[in-house]
Amino acid sequence: MRVLFVTIPWKSHFNQLVPLAWALRSAGHEVRVASEPELLETITGAGLTAVRVGSDETLKQRVRRMLGGEATPGQVDSPFFDSLYEIDDGRRDGLPREAISWVLDTLVVPQMWILNDELVDDLVRYGRFWQPDLVLCDALTHAGAVAADAVGAAHARLLFGSDPYLRMRGDFLRAKERQPGEYPDTMRDWYAEWARKYGRDFTEELITGQFAVNVMPERCRLEPHERTLSLRYVPYNGHSVVPSWLCGEPRAPRVLMTFGITSWDWADRETISAEQVQEILDSLADLDIEVILTLPGEARELLRSVPENTRIEDFVPLDVVLPTCAAVVHHGGGGGFNGAMLHGIPQLVMTYAADASVKRIVLRQTGAGLSIAPDEVTGQKVREYLTRLLEDDAFRAGAERLRQEALAHPTPGALVPDLERITAEHRSRRDH
């Protein structure tokens, strides 16, 4: 079968889909990855075939143009986010209509415009030419569902973290049932307008996907799709070289500190300031540990000093360094959280990521780590929490429990027959 992956031009999102793409290709299927020009070299660098869609404008340029240079997608504070990302075992009532409408209208739908409007026409055009059987969409790439529906391909959403979109949609529909009446449905409107352009009617499947593929353990899922295929997380870090200093046992307990591979490129997405990094390093300077800090050169230059127990690198492949670590400190992104989960490493999460509430709850439920809210991050608190992770064996046991849950999921190769079966059920070619 022909499988088209669709992703926004964001390396950390693309990296997470590579193992499944290669599993499908290794099983004999045709695989292509569609994204905007700035990601094409990254796609081909992974040995995959790229399809150019969208404009030559970079994502950063578009964001600056459309938002006036004041913010980036996802960088809106909301008092409702903790409830939105709450894990509730089915007992959650959901956000009220006014709250969910605010989240949709202020954050979600503008983000959909910015990330997707430039993609839809090109994706449909290419889909009509290539006729994919299955379209697998990054969770933020809503354009993929519109294109799949237009050409009759099966389509699913790839999830490497929690799924706020299905949660938001469920909250909205439940609120509408409780409070009947006419009020805007901006998420529906976006899909419906594009669907009409290609002679299709809106269906809820455009928003939810016909099914979902999810690497997160069940306890981490907010409101799973009724048809969810579980997938084991397999790390991919792009072009990677094992550094010589990793070819030996660490002299002391090794701690990895990483705050994302893209956040330092966006000043207004900065997860942690250089001043805070310096404070943290100073607070850990007298501990008998080996700190590995990933930090780009321009950020490193902002530091006043580097303690003797700290090594700073621009980049270290997580799947190479994590197995040598006693703990990892990170900002809550998918690569750090999923990588630590896969290797059974206790985590200290400074919960800057949007789904911070989910990660806090998961770490608390499993005993796999600790978390600090962004406004509570201090050097002393990081020292205190990290010392607990290193000295209390219960955290290592909790991390191992979470690891076993992750390993219980099928590998990408083992998932291929399920994808073949479910694609055959949903695929319906259309004449144009």
Protein backbone atom coordinates (compact mmCIF):
# COMPACT_ATOMS: atom_id res chain seq x y z
CA MET A 1 0.00 0.00 0.00
CA ARG A 2 0.96 3.65 -0.33
CA VAL A 3 1.43 5.52 2.94
CA LEU A 4 1.76 9.29 3.18
CA PHE A 5 3.02 10.83 6.41
CA VAL A 6 2.18 14.49 6.88
CA THR A 7 3.92 16.72 9.42
CA ILE A 8 4.51 20.37 10.19
CA PRO A 9 8.11 21.50 9.56
CA TRP A 10 9.28 20.83 13.11
CA LYS A 11 12.21 18.45 13.52
CA SER A 12 11.20 17.06 16.90
CA HIS A 13 7.78 16.10 15.48
CA PHE A 14 9.28 14.51 12.39
CA ASN A 15 11.87 12.53 14.35
CA GLN A 16 9.18 10.71 16.27
CA LEU A 17 7.47 9.31 13.17
CA VAL A 18 10.63 8.03 11.45
CA PRO A 19 10.71 4.52 13.03
CA LEU A 20 7.13 3.77 11.94
CA ALA A 21 7.83 5.13 8.45
CA TRP A 22 10.83 2.83 8.12
CA ALA A 23 8.89 -0.14 9.49
CA LEU A 24 6.28 0.31 6.76
CA ARG A 25 8.94 0.78 4.11
CA SER A 26 10.85 -2.30 5.30
CA ALA A 27 7.62 -4.30 5.03
CA GLY A 28 7.48 -3.44 1.32
CA HIS A 29 5.09 -0.49 1.36
CA GLU A 30 5.65 2.78 -0.50
CA VAL A 31 6.25 5.55 2.00
CA ARG A 32 6.52 9.30 1.47
CA VAL A 33 6.63 12.21 3.89
CA ALA A 34 4.98 15.52 3.04
CA SER A 35 6.06 18.74 4.67
CA GLU A 36 7.16 22.27 3.89
CA PRO A 37 10.49 23.10 2.19
CA GLU A 38 12.45 23.87 5.37
CA LEU A 39 12.06 20.24 6.53
CA LEU A 40 12.86 18.48 3.24
CA GLU A 41 16.58 18.08 3.92
CA THR A 42 15.80 16.57 7.32
CA ILE A 43 13.37 14.09 5.73
CA THR A 44 15.78 12.98 3.03
CA GLY A 45 18.54 12.85 5.63
CA ALA A 46 16.54 10.13 7.35
CA GLY A 47 16.57 8.13 4.11
CA LEU A 48 12.90 8.81 3.39
CA THR A 49 11.28 10.23 0.27
CA ALA A 50 10.04 13.79 0.74
CA VAL A 51 7.08 15.55 -0.86
CA ARG A 52 7.23 19.33 -0.98
CA VAL A 53 4.00 21.09 0.03
CA GLY A 54 3.21 24.55 1.33
CA SER A 55 5.14 27.77 0.80
CA ASP A 56 8.81 28.72 0.83
CA GLU A 57 8.13 30.88 3.87
CA THR A 58 9.57 29.28 6.99
CA LEU A 59 7.31 28.49 9.91
CA LYS A 60 9.04 31.11 12.02
CA GLN A 61 8.53 33.74 9.30
CA ARG A 62 4.86 32.87 8.99
CA VAL A 63 4.30 33.00 12.73
CA ARG A 64 5.99 36.37 12.96
CA ARG A 65 3.91 37.69 10.06
CA MET A 66 0.55 36.37 11.26
CA LEU A 67 1.03 37.03 14.98
CA GLY A 68 2.97 40.24 14.72
CA GLY A 69 6.13 38.75 16.17
CA GLU A 70 4.68 38.73 19.66
CA ALA A 71 3.97 35.05 20.22
CA THR A 72 4.32 31.59 18.79
CA PRO A 73 1.76 28.80 18.39
CA GLY A 74 0.94 27.34 21.75
CA GLN A 75 2.37 30.19 23.82
CA VAL A 76 -0.87 31.43 25.37
CA ASP A 77 -1.45 31.14 29.10
CA SER A 78 -4.84 29.85 30.12
CA PRO A 79 -6.30 29.11 33.55
CA PHE A 80 -8.15 26.18 31.96
CA PHE A 81 -5.13 24.13 30.85
CA ASP A 82 -4.76 22.11 34.05
CA SER A 83 -8.36 20.92 33.75
CA LEU A 84 -7.97 20.32 30.03
CA TYR A 85 -5.02 17.97 30.59
CA GLU A 86 -6.36 16.30 33.72
CA ILE A 87 -6.34 12.49 33.85
CA ASP A 88 -9.61 11.57 35.49
CA ASP A 89 -10.54 7.89 34.97
CA GLY A 90 -13.84 8.91 33.34
CA ARG A 91 -15.05 11.08 36.21
CA ARG A 92 -14.23 14.43 34.66
CA ASP A 93 -17.17 16.69 33.75
CA GLY A 94 -15.27 18.68 31.15
CA LEU A 95 -14.74 22.37 30.70
CA PRO A 96 -17.81 24.62 30.49
CA ARG A 97 -18.80 25.93 27.08
CA GLU A 98 -17.40 29.42 27.70
CA ALA A 99 -14.02 28.06 28.74
CA ILE A 100 -13.61 25.58 25.91
CA SER A 101 -14.78 28.17 23.38
CA TRP A 102 -12.12 30.55 24.70
CA VAL A 103 -9.39 27.91 24.33
CA LEU A 104 -10.53 27.01 20.81
CA ASP A 105 -10.95 30.56 19.56
CA THR A 106 -7.85 32.00 21.23
CA LEU A 107 -5.35 29.19 20.71
CA VAL A 108 -6.43 26.13 18.77
CA VAL A 109 -8.09 27.47 15.63
CA PRO A 110 -5.54 30.29 15.05
CA GLN A 111 -2.86 27.62 15.37
CA MET A 112 -4.70 25.51 12.80
CA TRP A 113 -4.68 28.43 10.35
CA ILE A 114 -0.98 29.14 10.83
CA LEU A 115 0.22 25.56 10.63
CA ASN A 116 -2.16 24.16 8.01
CA ASP A 117 -3.72 26.66 5.59
CA GLU A 118 -0.63 26.72 3.35
CA LEU A 119 -0.63 22.90 3.12
CA VAL A 120 -4.14 21.83 2.18
CA ASP A 121 -4.28 22.62 -1.55
CA ASP A 122 -0.88 21.08 -2.24
CA LEU A 123 -1.68 17.97 -0.21
CA VAL A 124 -4.96 17.40 -2.04
CA ARG A 125 -3.29 17.96 -5.38
CA TYR A 126 -0.56 15.47 -4.55
CA GLY A 127 -3.04 13.00 -3.05
CA ARG A 128 -5.11 13.01 -6.23
CA PHE A 129 -1.98 12.27 -8.21
CA TRP A 130 -0.35 9.63 -5.98
CA GLN A 131 -3.54 8.09 -4.51
CA PRO A 132 -2.29 7.08 -1.05
CA ASP A 133 -4.09 4.29 0.77
CA LEU A 134 -3.26 5.61 4.22
CA VAL A 135 -2.43 9.10 5.51
CA LEU A 136 -0.78 9.33 8.92
CA CYS A 137 -0.89 12.83 10.37
CA ASP A 138 1.20 14.50 13.02
CA ALA A 139 -1.22 15.65 15.73
CA LEU A 140 -0.87 19.32 14.70
CA THR A 141 -1.16 18.68 10.95
CA HIS A 142 -4.92 18.84 10.46
CA ALA A 143 -4.48 19.42 6.74
CA GLY A 144 -3.65 15.73 6.32
CA ALA A 145 -7.14 14.65 7.34
CA VAL A 146 -8.75 17.03 4.83
CA ALA A 147 -6.55 15.69 2.03
CA ALA A 148 -7.14 12.06 2.99
CA ASP A 149 -10.90 12.57 3.01
CA ALA A 150 -10.77 14.32 -0.37
CA VAL A 151 -9.07 11.35 -2.03
CA GLY A 152 -10.70 8.53 -0.04
CA ALA A 153 -7.62 7.44 1.91
CA ALA A 154 -7.80 5.99 5.39
CA HIS A 155 -6.39 8.46 7.89
CA ALA A 156 -5.17 8.45 11.45
CA ARG A 157 -3.48 10.77 13.92
CA LEU A 158 -0.02 9.92 15.28
CA LEU A 159 0.30 10.73 18.97
CA PHE A 160 3.61 10.91 20.80
CA GLY A 161 2.15 12.70 23.79
CA SER A 162 -1.27 13.46 25.20
CA ASP A 163 -4.18 14.24 22.86
CA PRO A 164 -5.72 17.62 23.73
CA TYR A 165 -7.65 17.92 20.46
CA LEU A 166 -9.88 14.92 21.10
CA ARG A 167 -10.34 16.11 24.69
CA MET A 168 -11.29 19.61 23.57
CA ARG A 169 -13.70 18.28 20.98
CA GLY A 170 -15.32 16.01 23.54
CA ASP A 171 -15.66 18.87 26.02
CA PHE A 172 -17.21 21.08 23.36
CA LEU A 173 -19.78 18.52 22.25
CA ARG A 174 -20.72 17.61 25.82
CA ALA A 175 -21.15 21.28 26.69
CA LYS A 176 -23.33 21.72 23.63
CA GLU A 177 -25.58 18.89 24.79
CA ARG A 178 -25.88 20.41 28.26
CA GLN A 179 -26.57 23.91 26.91
CA PRO A 180 -28.48 23.60 23.63
CA GLY A 181 -28.46 26.60 21.39
CA GLU A 182 -26.59 28.25 18.58
CA TYR A 183 -23.02 29.25 19.25
CA PRO A 184 -19.86 29.20 17.15
CA ASP A 185 -18.05 25.96 16.40
CA THR A 186 -14.83 27.36 14.98
CA MET A 187 -12.99 24.05 14.79
CA ARG A 188 -15.84 22.51 12.77
CA ASP A 189 -15.97 25.61 10.58
CA TRP A 190 -12.29 25.27 9.62
CA TYR A 191 -12.70 21.66 8.54
CA ALA A 192 -16.07 22.19 6.89
CA GLU A 193 -14.83 25.09 4.75
CA TRP A 194 -11.94 23.07 3.40
CA ALA A 195 -14.06 19.95 2.92
CA ARG A 196 -16.63 21.89 0.88
CA LYS A 197 -13.90 23.12 -1.43
CA TYR A 198 -13.28 19.51 -2.48
CA GLY A 199 -16.93 18.46 -2.63
CA ARG A 200 -17.03 16.76 0.76
CA ASP A 201 -19.24 17.20 3.82
CA PHE A 202 -17.95 17.71 7.33
CA THR A 203 -17.78 14.63 9.57
CA GLU A 204 -16.38 14.30 13.07
CA GLU A 205 -13.81 11.88 11.67
CA LEU A 206 -12.03 14.85 10.12
CA ILE A 207 -11.22 16.08 13.62
CA THR A 208 -10.70 12.77 15.39
CA GLY A 209 -9.24 10.67 12.60
CA GLN A 210 -10.66 7.27 11.71
CA PHE A 211 -8.28 5.82 14.27
CA ALA A 212 -5.24 6.85 16.29
CA VAL A 213 -1.74 5.51 16.80
CA ASN A 214 -0.45 6.28 20.30
CA VAL A 215 2.92 5.60 21.94
CA MET A 216 1.83 6.68 25.41
CA PRO A 217 0.84 4.08 28.03
CA GLU A 218 -2.88 3.95 28.66
CA ARG A 219 -2.56 5.76 31.97
CA CYS A 220 -1.14 8.77 30.05
CA ARG A 221 -4.01 9.12 27.61
CA LEU A 222 -6.53 11.89 28.15
CA GLU A 223 -9.51 10.75 26.12
CA PRO A 224 -8.40 7.97 23.80
CA HIS A 225 -9.91 7.50 20.39
CA GLU A 226 -12.35 4.61 20.52
CA ARG A 227 -10.08 2.90 18.03
CA THR A 228 -6.51 3.36 19.24
CA LEU A 229 -3.54 1.29 18.12
CA SER A 230 -0.77 1.23 20.73
CA LEU A 231 2.80 1.62 19.48
CA ARG A 232 6.09 1.22 21.31
CA TYR A 233 8.13 4.40 21.36
CA VAL A 234 11.36 3.98 19.40
CA PRO A 235 13.78 6.93 19.53
CA TYR A 236 15.26 8.53 16.45
CA ASN A 237 17.67 11.45 16.82
CA GLY A 238 18.70 12.22 13.27
CA HIS A 239 22.35 12.17 12.28
CA SER A 240 24.09 10.97 15.44
CA VAL A 241 27.65 10.13 16.45
CA VAL A 242 28.60 8.50 19.73
CA PRO A 243 31.03 10.93 21.42
CA SER A 244 34.29 9.47 22.72
CA TRP A 245 33.55 10.53 26.30
CA LEU A 246 30.57 8.16 26.29
CA CYS A 247 32.80 5.14 25.62
CA GLY A 248 33.32 4.29 29.28
CA GLU A 249 31.63 4.25 32.64
CA PRO A 250 30.78 7.63 34.17
CA ARG A 251 33.04 8.60 37.09
CA ALA A 252 29.97 9.55 39.16
CA PRO A 253 26.18 9.30 38.79
CA ARG A 254 25.43 10.90 35.45
CA VAL A 255 22.58 13.42 35.11
CA LEU A 256 21.37 14.62 31.72
CA MET A 257 19.87 18.11 31.52
CA THR A 258 18.13 19.00 28.26
CA PHE A 259 15.55 21.64 27.43
CA GLY A 260 14.57 20.84 23.86
CA ILE A 261 16.28 20.99 20.47
CA THR A 262 14.18 23.84 19.07
CA SER A 263 13.18 26.06 21.98
CA TRP A 264 16.39 28.11 21.88
CA ASP A 265 15.67 29.04 18.25
CA TRP A 266 12.49 30.81 19.33
CA ALA A 267 13.09 33.53 21.90
CA ASP A 268 9.42 33.59 22.91
CA ARG A 269 9.29 29.79 23.23
CA GLU A 270 12.28 29.73 25.57
CA THR A 271 11.55 27.08 28.15
CA ILE A 272 14.19 28.24 30.60
CA SER A 273 16.43 31.28 30.68
CA ALA A 274 20.23 31.27 30.66
CA GLU A 275 20.09 32.91 34.10
CA GLN A 276 18.05 29.99 35.45
CA VAL A 277 20.43 27.48 33.87
CA GLN A 278 23.35 29.23 35.55
CA GLU A 279 21.57 29.18 38.91
CA ILE A 280 20.86 25.46 38.56
CA LEU A 281 24.45 24.64 37.60
CA ASP A 282 25.77 26.66 40.54
CA SER A 283 23.44 24.82 42.93
CA LEU A 284 24.73 21.43 41.71
CA ALA A 285 28.41 22.38 41.54
CA ASP A 286 29.48 20.70 44.79
CA LEU A 287 27.57 17.44 44.25
CA ASP A 288 29.48 14.31 43.29
CA ILE A 289 27.65 13.89 40.01
CA GLU A 290 28.44 14.25 36.32
CA VAL A 291 26.09 16.75 34.66
CA ILE A 292 25.66 16.58 30.88
CA LEU A 293 23.92 19.74 29.70
CA THR A 294 22.78 20.14 26.09
CA LEU A 295 22.86 23.80 25.15
CA PRO A 296 23.49 25.52 21.81
CA GLY A 297 26.56 27.70 21.48
CA GLU A 298 24.72 31.02 21.51
CA ALA A 299 23.00 30.14 24.78
CA ARG A 300 26.23 28.77 26.27
CA GLU A 301 27.88 32.14 25.75
CA LEU A 302 25.36 33.69 28.13
CA LEU A 303 26.62 31.58 31.05
CA ARG A 304 29.05 33.21 33.49
CA SER A 305 30.84 29.99 34.43
CA VAL A 306 30.64 26.22 34.08
CA PRO A 307 31.27 24.04 37.17
CA GLU A 308 33.91 21.31 37.02
CA ASN A 309 31.26 18.57 37.29
CA THR A 310 29.45 19.81 34.16
CA ARG A 311 29.99 19.03 30.50
CA ILE A 312 28.12 21.13 27.92
CA GLU A 313 27.38 19.78 24.45
CA ASP A 314 25.39 21.26 21.57
CA PHE A 315 23.68 17.92 21.06
CA VAL A 316 23.89 14.36 22.36
CA PRO A 317 21.63 11.59 20.97
CA LEU A 318 19.22 10.76 23.78
CA ASP A 319 19.09 7.03 23.06
CA VAL A 320 22.90 6.91 23.43
CA VAL A 321 23.29 8.94 26.62
CA LEU A 322 20.13 8.00 28.55
CA PRO A 323 21.10 4.38 29.30
CA THR A 324 24.21 5.71 31.08
CA CYS A 325 22.25 8.14 33.27
CA ALA A 326 20.99 7.93 36.83
CA ALA A 327 18.46 10.73 36.25
CA VAL A 328 17.33 13.19 33.58
CA VAL A 329 16.18 16.79 34.01
CA HIS A 330 14.12 18.16 31.12
CA HIS A 331 11.37 20.56 30.11
CA GLY A 332 8.60 18.01 29.52
CA GLY A 333 8.90 17.55 25.76
CA GLY A 334 8.08 14.28 24.04
CA GLY A 335 11.65 13.21 23.30
CA GLY A 336 12.86 13.66 26.87
CA PHE A 337 9.80 12.19 28.56
CA ASN A 338 9.38 9.24 26.18
CA GLY A 339 13.10 8.53 26.06
CA ALA A 340 13.41 8.45 29.84
CA MET A 341 10.28 6.29 30.01
CA LEU A 342 11.69 3.81 27.50
CA HIS A 343 15.00 3.45 29.35
CA GLY A 344 13.54 3.44 32.87
CA ILE A 345 15.34 6.61 34.01
CA PRO A 346 13.90 8.70 36.89
CA GLN A 347 12.82 12.10 35.64
CA LEU A 348 12.73 15.61 37.01
CA VAL A 349 10.37 17.49 34.72
CA MET A 350 10.25 21.26 34.73
CA THR A 351 6.79 21.26 33.28
CA TYR A 352 6.93 23.94 30.59
CA ALA A 353 5.27 21.75 27.96
CA ALA A 354 1.57 22.26 27.21
CA ASP A 355 0.62 18.85 28.63
CA ALA A 356 2.45 19.50 31.88
CA SER A 357 -0.48 18.32 34.01
CA VAL A 358 -0.46 14.89 32.37
CA LYS A 359 3.24 14.39 32.97
CA ARG A 360 2.98 15.51 36.60
CA ILE A 361 0.18 13.02 37.22
CA VAL A 362 1.93 10.16 35.43
CA LEU A 363 5.15 10.68 37.37
CA ARG A 364 3.22 10.87 40.62
CA GLN A 365 1.10 7.79 39.88
CA THR A 366 4.04 5.64 38.83
CA GLY A 367 6.63 7.05 41.22
CA ALA A 368 8.88 7.47 38.18
CA GLY A 369 9.96 11.01 38.99
CA LEU A 370 9.17 14.49 40.22
CA SER A 371 8.09 17.76 38.65
CA ILE A 372 8.51 21.47 39.28
CA ALA A 373 6.14 24.13 38.00
CA PRO A 374 7.82 26.81 35.82
CA ASP A 375 7.23 29.61 38.33
CA GLU A 376 8.79 27.51 41.10
CA VAL A 377 12.08 26.63 39.38
CA THR A 378 15.07 27.66 41.49
CA GLY A 379 18.55 26.24 41.75
CA GLN A 380 17.95 25.12 45.32
CA LYS A 381 14.70 23.33 44.45
CA VAL A 382 16.30 21.52 41.50
CA ARG A 383 19.14 20.43 43.78
CA GLU A 384 16.68 19.17 46.42
CA TYR A 385 14.51 17.22 43.97
CA LEU A 386 17.43 15.82 42.00
CA THR A 387 19.09 14.60 45.18
CA ARG A 388 15.90 12.76 46.08
CA LEU A 389 15.80 11.08 42.67
CA LEU A 390 19.41 9.93 43.00
CA GLU A 391 19.23 8.71 46.59
CA ASP A 392 15.79 7.07 46.78
CA ASP A 393 15.67 3.71 44.96
CA ALA A 394 11.87 3.93 44.85
CA PHE A 395 12.13 6.34 41.92
CA ARG A 396 14.22 3.87 39.94
CA ALA A 397 11.61 1.18 40.68
CA GLY A 398 8.82 3.50 39.55
CA ALA A 399 10.68 4.36 36.36
CA GLU A 400 11.12 0.65 35.66
CA ARG A 401 7.36 0.09 36.08
CA LEU A 402 6.66 2.84 33.54
CA ARG A 403 9.26 1.31 31.23
CA GLN A 404 7.55 -2.07 31.33
CA GLU A 405 4.24 -0.45 30.38
CA ALA A 406 5.93 1.16 27.38
CA LEU A 407 7.64 -2.08 26.34
CA ALA A 408 4.32 -3.92 26.38
CA HIS A 409 3.28 -2.03 23.23
CA PRO A 410 4.01 -3.59 19.82
CA THR A 411 7.10 -2.40 17.96
CA PRO A 412 6.64 -0.43 14.73
CA GLY A 413 7.30 -3.58 12.71
CA ALA A 414 4.76 -5.58 14.68
CA LEU A 415 2.14 -2.86 14.14
CA VAL A 416 2.33 -2.98 10.33
CA PRO A 417 -0.20 -5.86 9.89
CA ASP A 418 -2.75 -3.93 11.98
CA LEU A 419 -2.23 -0.85 9.83
CA GLU A 420 -2.71 -2.96 6.69
CA ARG A 421 -5.95 -4.40 8.05
CA ILE A 422 -7.48 -1.15 9.25
CA THR A 423 -6.48 0.65 6.05
CA ALA A 424 -8.30 -1.98 3.98
CA GLU A 425 -11.44 -1.32 6.06
CA HIS A 426 -11.42 2.45 5.55
CA ARG A 427 -9.87 2.99 2.13
CA SER A 428 -12.36 4.04 -0.58
CA ARG A 429 -10.83 5.48 -3.71
CA ARG A 430 -12.66 8.37 -5.30
CA ASP A 431 -12.76 9.38 -8.95
CA HIS A 432 -11.92 12.97 -9.77
